[in-house]
């Protein structure tokens, strides 16, 4: 029997053993940009020696010098979807021995330029953007020192790598699934759900979309959007812009005295923990978030690894308990 290969120690492993943050490990090994107390630096070096940690050469070779820190711009870190995405980026950064600083723009897209400039002023080695940007931020991003990678479908910054899940593919799969079940009156809540509209005509289904906002990605948005729809009629199915939005939809349906999927089928987007542990478990579209986060870091660390422009990632429908044929 061959011995099991040993996992390479990461900066996060060193940080845990030394009782410090991953950033302090970077500051100790890179000689800055912040000073580290002698006793703390000694603990870090002892942990490095004990674990046999070797800093990732690619991460240390970032152009413009290396702080070992990356920036991440999200819509709202308090939103579960944004929090998980930040975690995926942090995991990818840990694999490369780097740390992440997060900036949120909340409900005001005009804050996006300030978030980019603030991260650039901290001399981060690169910035991953996961939220829609204002036109001013798109224009200003081209003048920043830090390299930028966009993760998700929003306005493109000229000359940068943009990684997107194939929303059209996922939307087409949702439409085909609901059509095969016999649904003809389908509503949508949330930005991504609107992408279904372009494919519905191919199935000959009459569809009535519910109101949605471009940045609506919360449980509250799902709840309020579904309540507005139910105030006028009861669709046979509803497509959510994200799994988080779907949770709000589920509550609104239950409060109306209806059942899922007996009265209304619900489809999410993202294949997150919320989808798997919802009641009933959500039919949803799987998005390869971990692979996309790793490639985003790769594009920052190794600028020649991915060509500037759009890179699409395949999606697939995961059928669970929240969809069924409509009532006769």
Protein backbone atom coordinates (compact mmCIF):
# COMPACT_ATOMS: atom_id res chain seq x y z
CA UNK A 1 0.00 0.00 0.00
CA UNK A 2 1.32 3.41 -0.98
CA UNK A 3 1.44 6.08 1.76
CA UNK A 4 -1.25 8.76 1.52
CA UNK A 5 0.19 12.01 0.12
CA UNK A 6 0.60 14.75 2.69
CA UNK A 7 -1.31 17.99 2.13
CA UNK A 8 0.93 20.98 1.66
CA UNK A 9 0.81 23.36 4.62
CA UNK A 10 -0.90 26.68 3.91
CA UNK A 11 -0.53 30.12 5.38
CA UNK A 12 -3.80 29.53 7.25
CA UNK A 13 -2.24 26.45 8.91
CA UNK A 14 0.72 28.54 10.05
CA UNK A 15 -1.62 31.24 11.37
CA UNK A 16 -3.63 28.73 13.42
CA UNK A 17 -0.53 27.13 14.93
CA UNK A 18 1.04 30.51 15.77
CA UNK A 19 -2.22 31.97 17.07
CA UNK A 20 -2.20 34.92 14.68
CA UNK A 21 -4.11 36.06 11.59
CA UNK A 22 -3.04 34.98 8.08
CA UNK A 23 -2.17 38.61 7.35
CA UNK A 24 0.35 38.65 10.23
CA UNK A 25 2.00 35.58 8.72
CA UNK A 26 2.35 37.48 5.43
CA UNK A 27 3.70 40.58 7.18
CA UNK A 28 6.28 38.49 9.04
CA UNK A 29 7.51 36.57 6.02
CA UNK A 30 7.40 39.54 3.61
CA UNK A 31 8.89 42.10 6.00
CA UNK A 32 5.78 44.30 5.91
CA UNK A 33 3.90 46.35 4.95
CA UNK A 34 3.06 46.45 8.69
CA UNK A 35 5.53 45.85 11.57
CA UNK A 36 5.22 42.65 13.65
CA UNK A 37 6.31 42.36 17.29
CA UNK A 38 9.44 40.27 17.83
CA UNK A 39 7.68 37.70 20.03
CA UNK A 40 4.88 37.30 17.46
CA UNK A 41 7.32 37.01 14.57
CA UNK A 42 9.21 34.33 16.50
CA UNK A 43 6.01 32.27 16.95
CA UNK A 44 5.27 32.58 13.24
CA UNK A 45 8.75 31.40 12.22
CA UNK A 46 8.58 28.50 14.66
CA UNK A 47 5.23 27.46 13.15
CA UNK A 48 6.69 27.78 9.64
CA UNK A 49 9.59 25.50 10.59
CA UNK A 50 7.35 22.98 12.33
CA UNK A 51 4.93 22.70 9.42
CA UNK A 52 7.55 22.96 6.69
CA UNK A 53 5.56 25.80 5.13
CA UNK A 54 6.87 27.20 1.84
CA UNK A 55 5.21 30.43 0.58
CA UNK A 56 3.61 30.11 -2.83
CA UNK A 57 6.07 31.52 -5.34
CA UNK A 58 3.41 32.73 -7.75
CA UNK A 59 1.66 34.73 -5.05
CA UNK A 60 4.93 36.37 -4.00
CA UNK A 61 5.71 37.29 -7.59
CA UNK A 62 2.76 39.64 -8.12
CA UNK A 63 3.78 42.70 -10.06
CA UNK A 64 4.02 46.10 -8.31
CA UNK A 65 5.36 44.35 -5.22
CA UNK A 66 3.39 42.03 -2.96
CA UNK A 67 1.53 42.87 0.24
CA UNK A 68 0.04 39.37 0.42
CA UNK A 69 -3.42 41.00 0.58
CA UNK A 70 -6.23 41.01 -1.98
CA UNK A 71 -9.33 43.20 -2.10
CA UNK A 72 -12.90 41.94 -2.56
CA UNK A 73 -15.84 44.22 -3.44
CA UNK A 74 -19.27 42.72 -2.67
CA UNK A 75 -22.82 44.05 -2.60
CA UNK A 76 -23.50 43.40 1.11
CA UNK A 77 -21.30 41.19 3.29
CA UNK A 78 -24.28 40.67 5.64
CA UNK A 79 -26.17 38.99 2.80
CA UNK A 80 -25.69 35.20 3.06
CA UNK A 81 -24.95 34.87 -0.66
CA UNK A 82 -22.25 37.55 -0.56
CA UNK A 83 -20.85 36.09 2.66
CA UNK A 84 -20.45 32.67 1.07
CA UNK A 85 -18.85 34.15 -2.01
CA UNK A 86 -16.39 36.02 0.19
CA UNK A 87 -15.64 32.72 1.93
CA UNK A 88 -14.93 31.02 -1.42
CA UNK A 89 -12.52 33.81 -2.37
CA UNK A 90 -10.87 33.62 1.07
CA UNK A 91 -10.41 29.85 0.69
CA UNK A 92 -8.81 30.35 -2.71
CA UNK A 93 -6.57 33.05 -1.24
CA UNK A 94 -5.56 30.79 1.65
CA UNK A 95 -4.43 28.18 -0.86
CA UNK A 96 -2.06 30.80 -2.26
CA UNK A 97 -0.91 32.10 1.14
CA UNK A 98 -2.75 35.42 0.84
CA UNK A 99 -5.33 37.37 2.84
CA UNK A 100 -8.51 39.19 1.78
CA UNK A 101 -9.90 42.62 2.71
CA UNK A 102 -13.65 43.02 2.01
CA UNK A 103 -15.52 46.20 1.05
CA UNK A 104 -19.31 46.32 0.68
CA UNK A 105 -21.31 48.86 -1.35
CA UNK A 106 -24.68 48.03 0.29
CA UNK A 107 -27.71 49.42 -1.57
CA UNK A 108 -25.88 52.39 -3.11
CA UNK A 109 -24.09 51.45 -6.32
CA UNK A 110 -22.46 54.89 -6.38
CA UNK A 111 -20.30 53.71 -3.47
CA UNK A 112 -18.54 51.20 -5.73
CA UNK A 113 -15.94 53.69 -6.98
CA UNK A 114 -15.07 54.68 -3.42
CA UNK A 115 -14.73 51.01 -2.45
CA UNK A 116 -12.32 50.38 -5.33
CA UNK A 117 -10.27 53.47 -4.54
CA UNK A 118 -10.10 52.64 -0.82
CA UNK A 119 -8.77 49.15 -1.54
CA UNK A 120 -6.31 50.50 -4.09
CA UNK A 121 -5.05 53.03 -1.51
CA UNK A 122 -4.28 50.12 0.82
CA UNK A 123 -1.96 48.81 -1.90
CA UNK A 124 -3.68 45.45 -2.22
CA UNK A 125 -2.18 43.21 -4.87
CA UNK A 126 -5.44 42.81 -6.77
CA UNK A 127 -9.20 43.30 -6.46
CA UNK A 128 -12.02 40.82 -7.12
CA UNK A 129 -15.32 42.58 -7.92
CA UNK A 130 -18.56 40.63 -7.42
CA UNK A 131 -21.16 43.42 -7.48
CA UNK A 132 -22.59 45.72 -10.19
CA UNK A 133 -20.56 48.92 -10.55
CA UNK A 134 -21.65 52.47 -11.23
CA UNK A 135 -20.62 53.95 -14.62
CA UNK A 136 -18.15 56.15 -12.71
CA UNK A 137 -16.61 53.06 -11.06
CA UNK A 138 -16.27 51.29 -14.42
CA UNK A 139 -14.46 54.32 -15.80
CA UNK A 140 -12.34 54.88 -12.67
CA UNK A 141 -11.34 51.21 -12.41
CA UNK A 142 -9.12 51.54 -15.47
CA UNK A 143 -6.96 54.10 -13.64
CA UNK A 144 -6.26 52.07 -10.50
CA UNK A 145 -2.87 50.58 -9.71
CA UNK A 146 -4.28 47.22 -8.60
CA UNK A 147 -5.32 44.60 -11.15
CA UNK A 148 -9.04 43.78 -11.19
CA UNK A 149 -11.00 40.62 -11.96
CA UNK A 150 -14.79 40.63 -12.18
CA UNK A 151 -16.63 37.64 -10.75
CA UNK A 152 -20.25 37.54 -11.90
CA UNK A 153 -22.48 39.07 -14.55
CA UNK A 154 -22.40 42.87 -14.34
CA UNK A 155 -21.14 45.80 -16.38
CA UNK A 156 -17.78 44.98 -17.91
CA UNK A 157 -14.62 46.92 -17.08
CA UNK A 158 -12.60 47.27 -20.30
CA UNK A 159 -9.51 45.10 -20.49
CA UNK A 160 -10.11 42.92 -17.41
CA UNK A 161 -10.90 39.24 -16.94
CA UNK A 162 -14.61 38.62 -16.29
CA UNK A 163 -15.76 35.22 -14.97
CA UNK A 164 -19.48 34.44 -15.26
CA UNK A 165 -21.75 31.49 -14.67
CA UNK A 166 -23.69 30.66 -17.84
CA UNK A 167 -27.00 32.17 -16.74
CA UNK A 168 -28.60 31.58 -20.15
CA UNK A 169 -27.81 27.88 -19.91
CA UNK A 170 -29.21 27.68 -16.39
CA UNK A 171 -32.31 29.66 -17.35
CA UNK A 172 -32.97 27.41 -20.33
CA UNK A 173 -32.72 24.36 -18.05
CA UNK A 174 -35.24 25.90 -15.64
CA UNK A 175 -37.67 26.69 -18.45
CA UNK A 176 -37.38 23.20 -19.94
CA UNK A 177 -37.92 21.60 -16.53
CA UNK A 178 -41.02 23.65 -15.71
CA UNK A 179 -42.42 23.20 -19.22
CA UNK A 180 -41.97 19.42 -19.00
CA UNK A 181 -43.90 19.45 -15.72
CA UNK A 182 -46.73 21.34 -17.42
CA UNK A 183 -46.34 24.84 -15.96
CA UNK A 184 -47.74 27.64 -18.11
CA UNK A 185 -48.02 30.55 -15.68
CA UNK A 186 -44.56 31.24 -14.27
CA UNK A 187 -43.53 34.29 -12.25
CA UNK A 188 -40.03 35.48 -11.39
CA UNK A 189 -38.60 37.40 -8.46
CA UNK A 190 -35.04 38.76 -8.59
CA UNK A 191 -32.68 39.93 -11.32
CA UNK A 192 -31.36 36.59 -12.50
CA UNK A 193 -34.81 35.11 -12.91
CA UNK A 194 -35.54 37.67 -15.62
CA UNK A 195 -33.00 35.93 -17.82
CA UNK A 196 -35.59 33.19 -18.34
CA UNK A 197 -37.74 35.48 -20.44
CA UNK A 198 -35.65 35.16 -23.59
CA UNK A 199 -36.03 31.38 -23.63
CA UNK A 200 -39.67 30.97 -22.65
CA UNK A 201 -41.13 31.64 -26.06
CA UNK A 202 -39.42 28.53 -27.43
CA UNK A 203 -41.65 26.42 -25.19
CA UNK A 204 -44.84 28.24 -26.15
CA UNK A 205 -45.66 29.07 -22.52
CA UNK A 206 -47.56 32.16 -21.41
CA UNK A 207 -45.47 33.74 -18.70
CA UNK A 208 -46.14 36.62 -16.35
CA UNK A 209 -43.11 38.01 -14.56
CA UNK A 210 -43.32 39.55 -11.12
CA UNK A 211 -41.58 42.85 -10.33
CA UNK A 212 -37.86 42.65 -9.69
CA UNK A 213 -35.00 45.03 -8.98
CA UNK A 214 -31.49 44.66 -10.45
CA UNK A 215 -29.86 44.53 -7.01
CA UNK A 216 -32.62 42.58 -5.20
CA UNK A 217 -30.79 39.59 -3.75
CA UNK A 218 -32.13 39.23 -0.23
CA UNK A 219 -34.72 37.12 1.56
CA UNK A 220 -36.74 40.29 2.15
CA UNK A 221 -36.74 41.01 -1.60
CA UNK A 222 -38.04 37.51 -2.27
CA UNK A 223 -40.69 37.78 0.42
CA UNK A 224 -41.98 41.18 -0.65
CA UNK A 225 -41.81 40.35 -4.36
CA UNK A 226 -43.84 37.18 -3.86
CA UNK A 227 -46.41 38.99 -1.74
CA UNK A 228 -46.93 41.51 -4.56
CA UNK A 229 -47.48 38.70 -7.04
CA UNK A 230 -49.90 36.80 -4.80
CA UNK A 231 -51.93 39.96 -4.26
CA UNK A 232 -53.03 39.66 -7.90
CA UNK A 233 -52.90 35.97 -8.75
CA UNK A 234 -51.36 32.62 -7.88
CA UNK A 235 -48.81 31.41 -10.47
CA UNK A 236 -48.19 27.70 -10.83
CA UNK A 237 -44.43 28.23 -10.44
CA UNK A 238 -41.98 30.97 -9.49
CA UNK A 239 -38.30 31.32 -10.37
CA UNK A 240 -36.04 33.10 -7.86
CA UNK A 241 -32.98 35.16 -8.73
CA UNK A 242 -31.00 33.27 -6.07
CA UNK A 243 -31.47 30.62 -3.40
CA UNK A 244 -31.54 33.35 -0.75
CA UNK A 245 -34.37 35.12 -2.58
CA UNK A 246 -36.17 31.76 -2.78
CA UNK A 247 -36.25 31.51 1.03
CA UNK A 248 -38.29 34.70 1.20
CA UNK A 249 -40.56 33.38 -1.54
CA UNK A 250 -41.18 30.17 0.43
CA UNK A 251 -42.26 32.15 3.48
CA UNK A 252 -44.63 34.37 1.51
CA UNK A 253 -46.25 31.30 -0.05
CA UNK A 254 -46.70 29.62 3.33
CA UNK A 255 -48.18 32.78 4.86
CA UNK A 256 -50.71 32.84 2.02
CA UNK A 257 -51.90 29.39 3.08
CA UNK A 258 -50.38 27.71 0.02
CA UNK A 259 -48.04 24.72 -0.21
CA UNK A 260 -44.81 24.07 -2.12
CA UNK A 261 -44.82 22.29 -4.53
CA UNK A 262 -48.49 21.22 -4.36
CA UNK A 263 -49.84 24.72 -5.08
CA UNK A 264 -46.75 26.59 -6.31
CA UNK A 265 -43.41 25.19 -7.51
CA UNK A 266 -40.28 27.19 -6.62
CA UNK A 267 -36.87 27.20 -8.34
CA UNK A 268 -33.72 28.86 -6.95
CA UNK A 269 -30.35 29.73 -8.44
CA UNK A 270 -26.90 28.96 -6.99
CA UNK A 271 -27.17 25.52 -5.33
CA UNK A 272 -26.15 26.83 -1.92
CA UNK A 273 -26.69 25.40 1.56
CA UNK A 274 -29.95 27.33 1.67
CA UNK A 275 -31.20 25.25 -1.24
CA UNK A 276 -30.17 21.92 0.24
CA UNK A 277 -31.53 22.59 3.73
CA UNK A 278 -34.68 24.52 2.83
CA UNK A 279 -38.05 22.90 3.50
CA UNK A 280 -38.81 21.60 0.98
CA UNK A 281 -35.32 21.24 -0.51
CA UNK A 282 -35.03 23.61 -3.47
CA UNK A 283 -34.75 22.72 -7.10
CA UNK A 284 -32.00 25.07 -8.23
CA UNK A 285 -29.21 25.74 -10.71
CA UNK A 286 -25.71 24.72 -9.64
CA UNK A 287 -23.01 27.37 -10.12
CA UNK A 288 -19.31 26.33 -9.85
CA UNK A 289 -18.51 29.10 -7.34
CA UNK A 290 -15.36 27.50 -5.91
CA UNK A 291 -13.82 26.95 -9.36
CA UNK A 292 -14.65 30.51 -10.35
CA UNK A 293 -13.10 31.91 -7.16
CA UNK A 294 -9.91 29.95 -7.73
CA UNK A 295 -9.68 31.14 -11.33
CA UNK A 296 -10.26 34.72 -10.19
CA UNK A 297 -7.24 34.47 -7.90
CA UNK A 298 -5.26 32.78 -10.68
CA UNK A 299 -6.03 35.67 -13.03
CA UNK A 300 -4.71 38.14 -10.45
CA UNK A 301 -1.61 36.19 -9.46
CA UNK A 302 -0.67 35.07 -12.98
CA UNK A 303 -1.86 37.79 -15.40
CA UNK A 304 -1.17 35.68 -18.49
CA UNK A 305 -3.22 32.68 -17.28
CA UNK A 306 -6.55 34.03 -18.61
CA UNK A 307 -7.18 36.39 -21.50
CA UNK A 308 -9.06 39.64 -20.74
CA UNK A 309 -12.76 39.42 -21.53
CA UNK A 310 -15.62 37.08 -20.68
CA UNK A 311 -15.12 33.50 -19.50
CA UNK A 312 -18.32 31.49 -19.00
CA UNK A 313 -18.72 28.52 -16.68
CA UNK A 314 -21.28 25.73 -17.23
CA UNK A 315 -24.30 25.42 -14.96
CA UNK A 316 -26.69 22.53 -14.40
CA UNK A 317 -30.14 22.06 -12.94
CA UNK A 318 -30.41 20.16 -9.65
CA UNK A 319 -33.97 18.83 -9.20
CA UNK A 320 -35.14 18.46 -5.60
CA UNK A 321 -38.47 18.60 -3.76
CA UNK A 322 -39.74 22.11 -4.53
CA UNK A 323 -41.02 21.45 -8.07
CA UNK A 324 -43.86 19.21 -9.23
CA UNK A 325 -46.59 19.19 -11.89
CA UNK A 326 -49.23 21.90 -11.37
CA UNK A 327 -52.60 21.01 -9.93
CA UNK A 328 -55.17 19.96 -12.49
